[in-house]
């Protein structure tokens, strides 16, 4: 607990460093948005050609 209170280690940084917390939340929101868009528009991200399967 002492190391965490001093901001040492990953958990200590997460607890004591606001910017790390906000960046992690932002990344989680961006990933959630990407997954939602991917589910709605898979062709936007995956380009499959049936011709390449025939060769």
N, C-alpha and C. Protein backbone atom coordinates (compact mmCIF):
# COMPACT_ATOMS: atom_id res chain seq x y z
N UNK A 1 0.82 -1.19 0.00
CA UNK A 1 0.00 0.00 0.00
C UNK A 1 0.87 1.26 0.00
N UNK A 2 2.00 1.16 0.65
CA UNK A 2 2.88 2.33 0.72
C UNK A 2 3.37 2.72 -0.67
N UNK A 3 3.80 1.72 -1.46
CA UNK A 3 4.27 1.99 -2.82
C UNK A 3 3.15 2.57 -3.68
N UNK A 4 1.95 2.04 -3.51
CA UNK A 4 0.82 2.53 -4.28
C UNK A 4 0.53 4.00 -3.92
N UNK A 5 0.59 4.33 -2.66
CA UNK A 5 0.34 5.70 -2.22
C UNK A 5 1.41 6.66 -2.73
N UNK A 6 2.62 6.14 -2.95
CA UNK A 6 3.71 6.97 -3.49
C UNK A 6 3.62 7.11 -5.00
N UNK A 7 2.72 6.36 -5.63
CA UNK A 7 2.58 6.42 -7.08
C UNK A 7 3.53 5.49 -7.81
N UNK A 8 4.06 4.51 -7.11
CA UNK A 8 4.99 3.56 -7.73
C UNK A 8 4.21 2.40 -8.34
N UNK A 9 4.70 1.92 -9.46
CA UNK A 9 4.07 0.79 -10.13
C UNK A 9 2.84 1.22 -10.93
N UNK A 10 2.29 0.27 -11.66
CA UNK A 10 1.14 0.56 -12.52
C UNK A 10 -0.08 0.97 -11.72
N UNK A 11 -0.41 0.22 -10.70
CA UNK A 11 -1.57 0.55 -9.89
C UNK A 11 -1.39 1.88 -9.18
N UNK A 12 -0.21 2.14 -8.70
CA UNK A 12 0.08 3.42 -8.05
C UNK A 12 -0.09 4.58 -9.00
N UNK A 13 0.36 4.42 -10.24
CA UNK A 13 0.19 5.47 -11.24
C UNK A 13 -1.28 5.67 -11.58
N UNK A 14 -2.01 4.56 -11.70
CA UNK A 14 -3.42 4.65 -12.03
C UNK A 14 -4.20 5.39 -10.95
N UNK A 15 -3.87 5.12 -9.70
CA UNK A 15 -4.56 5.74 -8.57
C UNK A 15 -4.16 7.21 -8.41
N UNK A 16 -2.89 7.53 -8.62
CA UNK A 16 -2.37 8.86 -8.32
C UNK A 16 -2.19 9.78 -9.52
N UNK A 17 -2.32 9.28 -10.72
CA UNK A 17 -2.04 10.07 -11.91
C UNK A 17 -3.34 10.25 -12.71
N UNK A 18 -3.91 11.43 -12.66
CA UNK A 18 -5.17 11.70 -13.34
C UNK A 18 -5.07 11.51 -14.85
N UNK A 19 -3.96 11.91 -15.45
CA UNK A 19 -3.84 11.82 -16.90
C UNK A 19 -3.85 10.37 -17.37
N UNK A 20 -3.22 9.48 -16.61
CA UNK A 20 -3.24 8.06 -16.97
C UNK A 20 -4.66 7.52 -16.90
N UNK A 21 -5.39 7.90 -15.87
CA UNK A 21 -6.79 7.48 -15.71
C UNK A 21 -7.64 7.98 -16.88
N UNK A 22 -7.49 9.24 -17.24
CA UNK A 22 -8.28 9.81 -18.33
C UNK A 22 -7.90 9.20 -19.68
N UNK A 23 -6.63 8.95 -19.89
CA UNK A 23 -6.20 8.32 -21.14
C UNK A 23 -6.74 6.90 -21.26
N UNK A 24 -6.75 6.17 -20.17
CA UNK A 24 -7.28 4.81 -20.17
C UNK A 24 -8.78 4.82 -20.46
N UNK A 25 -9.51 5.76 -19.86
CA UNK A 25 -10.94 5.88 -20.14
C UNK A 25 -11.20 6.26 -21.59
N UNK A 26 -10.41 7.16 -22.12
CA UNK A 26 -10.55 7.56 -23.52
C UNK A 26 -10.29 6.39 -24.46
N UNK A 27 -9.27 5.61 -24.17
CA UNK A 27 -8.95 4.44 -24.98
C UNK A 27 -10.09 3.43 -24.94
N UNK A 28 -10.66 3.22 -23.77
CA UNK A 28 -11.79 2.28 -23.64
C UNK A 28 -13.00 2.77 -24.44
N UNK A 29 -13.28 4.07 -24.40
CA UNK A 29 -14.40 4.63 -25.18
C UNK A 29 -14.15 4.48 -26.68
N UNK A 30 -12.92 4.76 -27.11
CA UNK A 30 -12.58 4.64 -28.53
C UNK A 30 -12.72 3.19 -29.00
N UNK A 31 -12.27 2.26 -28.19
CA UNK A 31 -12.37 0.84 -28.54
C UNK A 31 -13.83 0.41 -28.60
N UNK A 32 -14.64 0.87 -27.67
CA UNK A 32 -16.06 0.56 -27.67
C UNK A 32 -16.73 1.10 -28.93
N UNK A 33 -16.37 2.32 -29.31
CA UNK A 33 -16.91 2.93 -30.52
C UNK A 33 -16.49 2.15 -31.77
N UNK A 34 -15.23 1.74 -31.81
CA UNK A 34 -14.73 0.96 -32.95
C UNK A 34 -15.46 -0.37 -33.06
N UNK A 35 -15.63 -1.07 -31.95
CA UNK A 35 -16.30 -2.37 -31.98
C UNK A 35 -17.74 -2.22 -32.44
N UNK A 36 -18.42 -1.19 -31.96
CA UNK A 36 -19.79 -0.94 -32.38
C UNK A 36 -19.86 -0.65 -33.88
N UNK A 37 -18.97 0.19 -34.38
CA UNK A 37 -18.94 0.50 -35.81
C UNK A 37 -18.57 -0.73 -36.63
N UNK A 38 -17.66 -1.53 -36.13
CA UNK A 38 -17.25 -2.75 -36.84
C UNK A 38 -18.42 -3.71 -36.97
N UNK A 39 -19.23 -3.83 -35.91
CA UNK A 39 -20.40 -4.72 -35.95
C UNK A 39 -21.43 -4.21 -36.95
N UNK A 40 -21.59 -2.89 -37.05
CA UNK A 40 -22.57 -2.31 -37.96
C UNK A 40 -22.08 -2.24 -39.40
N UNK A 41 -20.77 -2.10 -39.59
CA UNK A 41 -20.20 -1.92 -40.93
C UNK A 41 -18.96 -2.78 -41.13
N UNK A 42 -19.09 -4.10 -41.10
CA UNK A 42 -17.88 -4.93 -41.22
C UNK A 42 -17.17 -4.78 -42.56
N UNK A 43 -17.91 -4.46 -43.60
CA UNK A 43 -17.29 -4.31 -44.93
C UNK A 43 -16.38 -3.10 -45.01
N UNK A 44 -16.59 -2.17 -44.11
CA UNK A 44 -15.73 -0.98 -44.06
C UNK A 44 -14.30 -1.37 -43.66
N UNK A 45 -14.16 -2.46 -42.91
CA UNK A 45 -12.86 -2.86 -42.38
C UNK A 45 -12.31 -4.14 -43.03
N UNK A 46 -13.18 -4.97 -43.56
CA UNK A 46 -12.75 -6.24 -44.16
C UNK A 46 -13.05 -6.23 -45.65
N UNK A 47 -12.03 -6.40 -46.43
CA UNK A 47 -12.18 -6.46 -47.88
C UNK A 47 -11.79 -7.88 -48.31
N UNK A 48 -12.79 -8.65 -48.74
CA UNK A 48 -12.55 -10.03 -49.14
C UNK A 48 -12.88 -10.17 -50.61
N UNK A 49 -11.98 -10.79 -51.32
CA UNK A 49 -12.18 -11.03 -52.73
C UNK A 49 -12.41 -12.53 -52.96
N UNK A 50 -13.53 -12.87 -53.58
CA UNK A 50 -13.83 -14.28 -53.85
C UNK A 50 -12.93 -14.83 -54.95
N UNK A 51 -12.35 -13.98 -55.77
CA UNK A 51 -11.48 -14.42 -56.85
C UNK A 51 -10.22 -15.07 -56.26
N UNK A 52 -9.70 -14.53 -55.18
CA UNK A 52 -8.47 -15.09 -54.61
C UNK A 52 -8.68 -16.48 -54.02
N UNK A 53 -9.92 -16.81 -53.67
CA UNK A 53 -10.19 -18.14 -53.13
C UNK A 53 -10.23 -19.19 -54.23
N UNK A 54 -10.52 -18.79 -55.44
CA UNK A 54 -10.63 -19.73 -56.56
C UNK A 54 -9.31 -20.14 -57.14
N UNK A 55 -8.23 -19.47 -56.84
CA UNK A 55 -6.92 -19.77 -57.45
C UNK A 55 -6.19 -20.83 -56.71
